[in-house]
Amino acid sequence: MPTVDAHITGTIWTVEVSVGDVVEEGDVVAILESMKMEMPVEAEEGGTVVEVFCQEGDAVDEGQPLVQLD
């Protein structure tokens, strides 16, 4: 199953999706804060959110899965 991964190291500022949500390619699933900038993390493909691996305030590394899609 595909995942939506963090594209930079940072802190989860907000999670924009929940399990069961349907997302399209380009939809924002989370917003990361890094170097005092807010950066959206977008789905690279569409699908249904089956698991959210992060929550607001979590520190994440580049490449870390944030959301799993089906």
C-alpha atoms as a PDB file:
ATOM      1  CA  MET A   1       0.000   0.000   0.000  1.00  0.00           C
ATOM      2  CA  PRO A   2       1.290   3.483  -0.795  1.00  0.00           C
ATOM      3  CA  THR A   3       2.320   5.939   1.897  1.00  0.00           C
ATOM      4  CA  VAL A   4       2.610   9.704   2.009  1.00  0.00           C
ATOM      5  CA  ASP A   5       6.054  10.518   3.394  1.00  0.00           C
ATOM      6  CA  ALA A   6       7.627  13.602   4.952  1.00  0.00           C
ATOM      7  CA  HIS A   7       9.674  15.432   2.325  1.00  0.00           C
ATOM      8  CA  ILE A   8      11.776  17.239   4.955  1.00  0.00           C
ATOM      9  CA  THR A   9      12.752  16.826   8.606  1.00  0.00           C
ATOM     10  CA  GLY A  10      10.488  18.863  10.861  1.00  0.00           C
ATOM     11  CA  THR A  11       7.579  18.902  13.284  1.00  0.00           C
ATOM     12  CA  ILE A  12       3.987  18.030  12.441  1.00  0.00           C
ATOM     13  CA  TRP A  13       2.082  21.290  12.713  1.00  0.00           C
ATOM     14  CA  THR A  14      -1.332  19.906  11.694  1.00  0.00           C
ATOM     15  CA  VAL A  15      -2.748  16.643  10.382  1.00  0.00           C
ATOM     16  CA  GLU A  16      -5.355  17.381   7.726  1.00  0.00           C
ATOM     17  CA  VAL A  17      -6.813  13.864   7.253  1.00  0.00           C
ATOM     18  CA  SER A  18      -8.362  11.074   9.302  1.00  0.00           C
ATOM     19  CA  VAL A  19      -8.795   7.351   8.736  1.00  0.00           C
ATOM     20  CA  GLY A  20     -11.512   6.819   6.137  1.00  0.00           C
ATOM     21  CA  ASP A  21     -10.959  10.111   4.315  1.00  0.00           C
ATOM     22  CA  VAL A  22     -10.640   9.912   0.528  1.00  0.00           C
ATOM     23  CA  VAL A  23      -7.795  11.999  -0.901  1.00  0.00           C
ATOM     24  CA  GLU A  24      -6.904  12.929  -4.456  1.00  0.00           C
ATOM     25  CA  GLU A  25      -3.437  13.456  -5.891  1.00  0.00           C
ATOM     26  CA  GLY A  26      -2.203  16.834  -4.638  1.00  0.00           C
ATOM     27  CA  ASP A  27      -4.429  16.995  -1.551  1.00  0.00           C
ATOM     28  CA  VAL A  28      -2.666  18.211   1.601  1.00  0.00           C
ATOM     29  CA  VAL A  29      -2.508  15.465   4.251  1.00  0.00           C
ATOM     30  CA  ALA A  30      -0.341  17.288   6.809  1.00  0.00           C
ATOM     31  CA  ILE A  31       1.572  20.505   7.348  1.00  0.00           C
ATOM     32  CA  LEU A  32       5.173  20.352   8.553  1.00  0.00           C
ATOM     33  CA  GLU A  33       7.007  23.133  10.348  1.00  0.00           C
ATOM     34  CA  SER A  34      10.700  23.350   9.587  1.00  0.00           C
ATOM     35  CA  MET A  35      13.034  26.309   9.984  1.00  0.00           C
ATOM     36  CA  LYS A  36      10.040  28.431  11.094  1.00  0.00           C
ATOM     37  CA  MET A  37       8.270  27.762   7.794  1.00  0.00           C
ATOM     38  CA  GLU A  38       5.042  25.817   7.285  1.00  0.00           C
ATOM     39  CA  MET A  39       5.207  23.351   4.391  1.00  0.00           C
ATOM     40  CA  PRO A  40       2.297  21.249   3.108  1.00  0.00           C
ATOM     41  CA  VAL A  41       2.762  17.531   2.524  1.00  0.00           C
ATOM     42  CA  GLU A  42       0.674  16.452  -0.461  1.00  0.00           C
ATOM     43  CA  ALA A  43      -0.542  13.026  -1.530  1.00  0.00           C
ATOM     44  CA  GLU A  44       1.303  11.812  -4.628  1.00  0.00           C
ATOM     45  CA  GLU A  45      -1.682   9.656  -5.594  1.00  0.00           C
ATOM     46  CA  GLY A  46      -5.306   9.286  -4.622  1.00  0.00           C
ATOM     47  CA  GLY A  47      -6.751   6.763  -2.217  1.00  0.00           C
ATOM     48  CA  THR A  48      -8.480   6.169   1.091  1.00  0.00           C
ATOM     49  CA  VAL A  49      -6.611   6.900   4.322  1.00  0.00           C
ATOM     50  CA  VAL A  50      -6.243   3.598   6.199  1.00  0.00           C
ATOM     51  CA  GLU A  51      -3.738   4.680   8.854  1.00  0.00           C
ATOM     52  CA  VAL A  52      -2.261   7.924  10.189  1.00  0.00           C
ATOM     53  CA  PHE A  53       1.208   7.430  11.684  1.00  0.00           C
ATOM     54  CA  CYS A  54       1.670  10.924  13.164  1.00  0.00           C
ATOM     55  CA  GLN A  55      -0.006  13.523  15.302  1.00  0.00           C
ATOM     56  CA  GLU A  56       0.432  17.231  15.913  1.00  0.00           C
ATOM     57  CA  GLY A  57       3.734  18.002  17.631  1.00  0.00           C
ATOM     58  CA  ASP A  58       5.557  14.853  16.470  1.00  0.00           C
ATOM     59  CA  ALA A  59       9.113  15.265  15.208  1.00  0.00           C
ATOM     60  CA  VAL A  60       9.564  13.465  11.870  1.00  0.00           C
ATOM     61  CA  ASP A  61      12.512  12.696   9.628  1.00  0.00           C
ATOM     62  CA  GLU A  62      12.737  13.120   5.880  1.00  0.00           C
ATOM     63  CA  GLY A  63      11.213  10.046   4.205  1.00  0.00           C
ATOM     64  CA  GLN A  64       9.235   8.980   7.276  1.00  0.00           C
ATOM     65  CA  PRO A  65       5.738   7.665   6.406  1.00  0.00           C
ATOM     66  CA  LEU A  66       2.977   9.945   7.721  1.00  0.00           C
ATOM     67  CA  VAL A  67      -0.167   8.415   6.179  1.00  0.00           C
ATOM     68  CA  GLN A  68      -0.968   5.088   4.544  1.00  0.00           C
ATOM     69  CA  LEU A  69      -3.410   4.939   1.636  1.00  0.00           C
ATOM     70  CA  ASP A  70      -5.338   2.026   0.154  1.00  0.00           C
END
